[in-house]
Amino acid sequence: KNIKKIPEKLSLLFLREDKPEVAVALTQSDLDNFENILRDISKGIQKGSFPACKSSACDWCDYRDLLCPEFG
């Protein structure tokens, strides 16, 4: 099923919290900007430019033990 319009908001629900919903509203401009950022990152990866950025997400990264200079 194709979605033909932008949702009014995107939400995450944290059911154990007093206020479980965390929501954000996005405009078409926000989505266009995000798409441009993703395209730039994709082009960099395709060219082999993939600079390491050590963070808490490293524990789940598939590249950590393969080619990441932060982990040798």
Protein backbone atom coordinates (compact mmCIF):
# COMPACT_ATOMS: atom_id res chain seq x y z
CA LYS A 1 0.00 0.00 0.00
CA ASN A 2 1.47 3.36 -1.02
CA ILE A 3 1.33 6.19 1.44
CA LYS A 4 0.61 9.37 -0.47
CA LYS A 5 0.83 11.96 2.29
CA ILE A 6 3.10 12.83 5.17
CA PRO A 7 1.79 11.71 8.58
CA GLU A 8 0.92 14.51 10.99
CA LYS A 9 3.41 13.16 13.51
CA LEU A 10 5.72 10.24 14.25
CA SER A 11 5.56 8.75 17.73
CA LEU A 12 7.45 6.38 19.98
CA LEU A 13 5.58 4.90 22.92
CA PHE A 14 7.44 4.09 26.13
CA LEU A 15 4.77 2.12 27.93
CA ARG A 16 6.44 2.10 31.35
CA GLU A 17 6.55 5.90 31.54
CA ASP A 18 3.94 8.27 33.00
CA LYS A 19 3.85 10.14 29.68
CA PRO A 20 4.50 7.32 27.23
CA GLU A 21 4.33 9.20 23.92
CA VAL A 22 7.29 11.03 22.43
CA ALA A 23 6.24 12.59 19.14
CA VAL A 24 7.79 14.72 16.43
CA ALA A 25 6.15 16.52 13.54
CA LEU A 26 8.04 16.67 10.24
CA THR A 27 7.53 18.98 7.31
CA GLN A 28 8.27 18.18 3.68
CA SER A 29 11.33 20.42 4.02
CA ASP A 30 12.57 18.29 6.95
CA LEU A 31 12.12 15.12 4.91
CA ASP A 32 13.89 16.62 1.88
CA ASN A 33 16.80 17.70 4.08
CA PHE A 34 17.04 14.23 5.64
CA GLU A 35 16.97 12.62 2.18
CA ASN A 36 19.84 14.87 1.05
CA ILE A 37 21.88 13.93 4.12
CA LEU A 38 21.30 10.22 3.45
CA ARG A 39 22.29 10.63 -0.22
CA ASP A 40 25.54 12.36 0.79
CA ILE A 41 26.36 9.61 3.29
CA SER A 42 25.58 6.94 0.70
CA LYS A 43 27.85 8.58 -1.87
CA GLY A 44 30.66 8.75 0.67
CA ILE A 45 30.28 5.07 1.54
CA GLN A 46 30.27 4.11 -2.15
CA LYS A 47 33.54 6.03 -2.60
CA GLY A 48 35.08 4.26 0.42
CA SER A 49 34.90 7.31 2.64
CA PHE A 50 33.44 5.92 5.83
CA PRO A 51 34.97 7.80 8.78
CA ALA A 52 34.60 6.13 12.16
CA CYS A 53 32.49 7.87 14.75
CA LYS A 54 32.84 6.05 18.06
CA SER A 55 29.64 6.02 20.08
CA SER A 56 27.40 3.84 22.22
CA ALA A 57 26.06 2.27 19.00
CA CYS A 58 29.45 0.64 18.31
CA ASP A 59 28.46 -2.48 20.27
CA TRP A 60 25.85 -3.27 17.60
CA CYS A 61 27.79 -2.19 14.51
CA ASP A 62 28.47 -4.86 11.85
CA TYR A 63 31.68 -3.07 10.81
CA ARG A 64 33.26 -2.91 14.26
CA ASP A 65 35.34 -6.06 13.89
CA LEU A 66 35.65 -5.94 10.10
CA LEU A 67 37.18 -2.61 9.16
CA CYS A 68 36.63 0.00 11.84
CA PRO A 69 39.86 1.91 12.62
CA GLU A 70 38.55 2.63 16.13
CA PHE A 71 38.66 -1.09 16.95
CA GLY A 72 41.51 -2.26 14.70
